Amino acid sequence: MVTSCTTERHDHHDVYAAQCPCREVLDLLANKWSALAIGALEEGPQRFGALQRRLEGVSPKVLTSTLRRLEEKGFVDRTIYPAVPLHVEYELTPLGRSVAQPLAQLRGWVEDHLDEIPVG
């Protein structure tokens, strides 16, 4: 069986195929900061500072990069409100909301099973 996966739309995507763009999306969503940002945004639109406080330990640079990548792929919307100082909010798109539940299950599984896993 020959597996191919191109950037054009087609009936079959194969995340195991080396050139499948699925891998880029999987890499983005499997990233801890992406999974945590999506989880935090389930609570509703949030400003950058609120997200940074919620995601303890994330640097501004990493959070900015993560939010940009999520926005580029259509998981997050960024809204700029004309105010002084500038007011920017991030929120999940319908696509982002659709992936939020599977990521919540993964986060919950990790919390439930952490004591069974060697860490550190």
C-alpha atoms as a PDB file:
ATOM      1  CA  MET A   1       0.000   0.000   0.000  1.00  0.00           C
ATOM      2  CA  VAL A   2       1.428   3.369  -1.012  1.00  0.00           C
ATOM      3  CA  THR A   3       0.669   6.210   1.360  1.00  0.00           C
ATOM      4  CA  SER A   4       0.738   9.762   0.189  1.00  0.00           C
ATOM      5  CA  CYS A   5      -0.294  12.937   1.873  1.00  0.00           C
ATOM      6  CA  THR A   6      -0.051  16.278   0.134  1.00  0.00           C
ATOM      7  CA  THR A   7      -1.068  19.770   1.107  1.00  0.00           C
ATOM      8  CA  GLU A   8      -4.078  19.596  -1.218  1.00  0.00           C
ATOM      9  CA  ARG A   9      -7.417  18.451   0.167  1.00  0.00           C
ATOM     10  CA  HIS A  10      -8.083  14.778  -0.330  1.00  0.00           C
ATOM     11  CA  ASP A  11     -10.078  11.912   1.138  1.00  0.00           C
ATOM     12  CA  HIS A  12      -7.330  10.384   3.234  1.00  0.00           C
ATOM     13  CA  HIS A  13      -4.816  11.931   5.584  1.00  0.00           C
ATOM     14  CA  ASP A  14      -2.138   9.738   7.105  1.00  0.00           C
ATOM     15  CA  VAL A  15      -0.291  11.149  10.098  1.00  0.00           C
ATOM     16  CA  TYR A  16       2.244   8.338   9.692  1.00  0.00           C
ATOM     17  CA  ALA A  17       3.223   9.521   6.200  1.00  0.00           C
ATOM     18  CA  ALA A  18       6.459  11.513   6.318  1.00  0.00           C
ATOM     19  CA  GLN A  19       5.207  14.420   4.214  1.00  0.00           C
ATOM     20  CA  CYS A  20       1.666  14.640   5.599  1.00  0.00           C
ATOM     21  CA  PRO A  21       0.800  18.100   6.947  1.00  0.00           C
ATOM     22  CA  CYS A  22      -1.074  16.301   9.718  1.00  0.00           C
ATOM     23  CA  ARG A  23       2.259  16.023  11.508  1.00  0.00           C
ATOM     24  CA  GLU A  24       2.628  19.799  11.752  1.00  0.00           C
ATOM     25  CA  VAL A  25      -0.811  20.089  13.358  1.00  0.00           C
ATOM     26  CA  LEU A  26      -0.113  17.160  15.675  1.00  0.00           C
ATOM     27  CA  ASP A  27       3.168  18.785  16.712  1.00  0.00           C
ATOM     28  CA  LEU A  28       1.354  22.036  17.496  1.00  0.00           C
ATOM     29  CA  LEU A  29      -1.457  20.441  19.492  1.00  0.00           C
ATOM     30  CA  ALA A  30       0.788  17.977  21.349  1.00  0.00           C
ATOM     31  CA  ASN A  31       2.926  20.866  22.617  1.00  0.00           C
ATOM     32  CA  LYS A  32       2.357  21.412  26.343  1.00  0.00           C
ATOM     33  CA  TRP A  33       1.901  25.174  26.026  1.00  0.00           C
ATOM     34  CA  SER A  34      -0.626  24.798  23.210  1.00  0.00           C
ATOM     35  CA  ALA A  35      -2.608  22.216  25.172  1.00  0.00           C
ATOM     36  CA  LEU A  36      -2.560  24.418  28.270  1.00  0.00           C
ATOM     37  CA  ALA A  37      -3.414  27.638  26.383  1.00  0.00           C
ATOM     38  CA  ILE A  38      -6.383  25.963  24.703  1.00  0.00           C
ATOM     39  CA  GLY A  39      -7.515  24.685  28.099  1.00  0.00           C
ATOM     40  CA  ALA A  40      -7.229  28.130  29.661  1.00  0.00           C
ATOM     41  CA  LEU A  41      -9.155  29.678  26.765  1.00  0.00           C
ATOM     42  CA  GLU A  42     -12.038  27.259  27.338  1.00  0.00           C
ATOM     43  CA  GLU A  43     -12.978  29.636  30.167  1.00  0.00           C
ATOM     44  CA  GLY A  44     -13.641  32.371  27.587  1.00  0.00           C
ATOM     45  CA  PRO A  45     -11.750  35.237  25.942  1.00  0.00           C
ATOM     46  CA  GLN A  46      -8.655  36.320  27.836  1.00  0.00           C
ATOM     47  CA  ARG A  47      -5.983  38.956  27.646  1.00  0.00           C
ATOM     48  CA  PHE A  48      -2.325  38.033  27.270  1.00  0.00           C
ATOM     49  CA  GLY A  49      -1.442  38.850  30.885  1.00  0.00           C
ATOM     50  CA  ALA A  50      -4.266  36.714  32.257  1.00  0.00           C
ATOM     51  CA  LEU A  51      -3.144  33.791  30.094  1.00  0.00           C
ATOM     52  CA  GLN A  52       0.447  34.186  31.212  1.00  0.00           C
ATOM     53  CA  ARG A  53      -0.595  34.159  34.872  1.00  0.00           C
ATOM     54  CA  ARG A  54      -2.791  31.077  34.305  1.00  0.00           C
ATOM     55  CA  LEU A  55      -0.008  29.190  32.493  1.00  0.00           C
ATOM     56  CA  GLU A  56       2.513  29.387  35.318  1.00  0.00           C
ATOM     57  CA  GLY A  57       6.086  29.166  34.070  1.00  0.00           C
ATOM     58  CA  VAL A  58       5.528  30.199  30.444  1.00  0.00           C
ATOM     59  CA  SER A  59       7.727  33.032  29.219  1.00  0.00           C
ATOM     60  CA  PRO A  60       6.184  35.944  27.299  1.00  0.00           C
ATOM     61  CA  LYS A  61       8.202  34.936  24.222  1.00  0.00           C
ATOM     62  CA  VAL A  62       6.979  31.316  24.276  1.00  0.00           C
ATOM     63  CA  LEU A  63       3.370  32.322  24.948  1.00  0.00           C
ATOM     64  CA  THR A  64       3.462  34.848  22.098  1.00  0.00           C
ATOM     65  CA  SER A  65       4.878  32.220  19.738  1.00  0.00           C
ATOM     66  CA  THR A  66       2.319  29.624  20.849  1.00  0.00           C
ATOM     67  CA  LEU A  67      -0.629  31.997  20.420  1.00  0.00           C
ATOM     68  CA  ARG A  68       0.622  33.071  16.983  1.00  0.00           C
ATOM     69  CA  ARG A  69       0.907  29.459  15.823  1.00  0.00           C
ATOM     70  CA  LEU A  70      -2.564  28.649  17.178  1.00  0.00           C
ATOM     71  CA  GLU A  71      -3.952  31.712  15.427  1.00  0.00           C
ATOM     72  CA  GLU A  72      -2.220  30.861  12.129  1.00  0.00           C
ATOM     73  CA  LYS A  73      -3.774  27.376  12.168  1.00  0.00           C
ATOM     74  CA  GLY A  74      -7.247  28.687  13.002  1.00  0.00           C
ATOM     75  CA  PHE A  75      -7.575  27.487  16.609  1.00  0.00           C
ATOM     76  CA  VAL A  76      -7.490  30.947  18.220  1.00  0.00           C
ATOM     77  CA  ASP A  77      -8.814  34.373  17.260  1.00  0.00           C
ATOM     78  CA  ARG A  78      -6.985  37.527  18.299  1.00  0.00           C
ATOM     79  CA  THR A  79      -9.123  40.652  18.696  1.00  0.00           C
ATOM     80  CA  ILE A  80      -7.617  44.110  19.101  1.00  0.00           C
ATOM     81  CA  TYR A  81      -9.801  46.707  20.795  1.00  0.00           C
ATOM     82  CA  PRO A  82      -8.932  50.363  20.156  1.00  0.00           C
ATOM     83  CA  ALA A  83      -8.206  51.664  23.617  1.00  0.00           C
ATOM     84  CA  VAL A  84      -5.384  53.287  25.505  1.00  0.00           C
ATOM     85  CA  PRO A  85      -3.538  51.177  26.398  1.00  0.00           C
ATOM     86  CA  LEU A  86      -4.203  48.715  23.589  1.00  0.00           C
ATOM     87  CA  HIS A  87      -6.577  45.914  24.599  1.00  0.00           C
ATOM     88  CA  VAL A  88      -6.008  42.508  22.940  1.00  0.00           C
ATOM     89  CA  GLU A  89      -8.027  39.392  23.672  1.00  0.00           C
ATOM     90  CA  TYR A  90      -7.587  35.795  22.583  1.00  0.00           C
ATOM     91  CA  GLU A  91     -10.412  33.300  22.259  1.00  0.00           C
ATOM     92  CA  LEU A  92     -11.015  29.872  20.808  1.00  0.00           C
ATOM     93  CA  THR A  93     -12.514  29.586  17.347  1.00  0.00           C
ATOM     94  CA  PRO A  94     -15.044  26.825  16.603  1.00  0.00           C
ATOM     95  CA  LEU A  95     -12.082  24.705  15.462  1.00  0.00           C
ATOM     96  CA  GLY A  96     -10.284  25.456  18.740  1.00  0.00           C
ATOM     97  CA  ARG A  97     -13.383  24.539  20.748  1.00  0.00           C
ATOM     98  CA  SER A  98     -13.625  21.253  18.830  1.00  0.00           C
ATOM     99  CA  VAL A  99     -10.121  20.208  19.919  1.00  0.00           C
ATOM    100  CA  ALA A 100     -10.506  21.521  23.478  1.00  0.00           C
ATOM    101  CA  GLN A 101     -12.401  18.452  24.732  1.00  0.00           C
ATOM    102  CA  PRO A 102      -9.885  15.827  23.537  1.00  0.00           C
ATOM    103  CA  LEU A 103      -7.059  17.925  25.015  1.00  0.00           C
ATOM    104  CA  ALA A 104      -8.998  18.257  28.293  1.00  0.00           C
ATOM    105  CA  GLN A 105      -9.291  14.471  28.400  1.00  0.00           C
ATOM    106  CA  LEU A 106      -5.545  14.140  27.878  1.00  0.00           C
ATOM    107  CA  ARG A 107      -4.770  16.699  30.602  1.00  0.00           C
ATOM    108  CA  GLY A 108      -7.151  14.891  32.955  1.00  0.00           C
ATOM    109  CA  TRP A 109      -5.596  11.524  32.151  1.00  0.00           C
ATOM    110  CA  VAL A 110      -2.125  12.898  32.933  1.00  0.00           C
ATOM    111  CA  GLU A 111      -3.293  14.278  36.292  1.00  0.00           C
ATOM    112  CA  ASP A 112      -5.091  11.013  37.167  1.00  0.00           C
ATOM    113  CA  HIS A 113      -2.140   8.760  36.276  1.00  0.00           C
ATOM    114  CA  LEU A 114       0.868  10.877  37.208  1.00  0.00           C
ATOM    115  CA  ASP A 115       1.596   8.802  40.311  1.00  0.00           C
ATOM    116  CA  GLU A 116       2.007   5.723  38.077  1.00  0.00           C
ATOM    117  CA  ILE A 117       4.592   7.387  35.828  1.00  0.00           C
ATOM    118  CA  PRO A 118       8.254   7.915  36.700  1.00  0.00           C
ATOM    119  CA  VAL A 119       8.927  11.662  36.398  1.00  0.00           C
ATOM    120  CA  GLY A 120      11.911  13.850  36.991  1.00  0.00           C
END
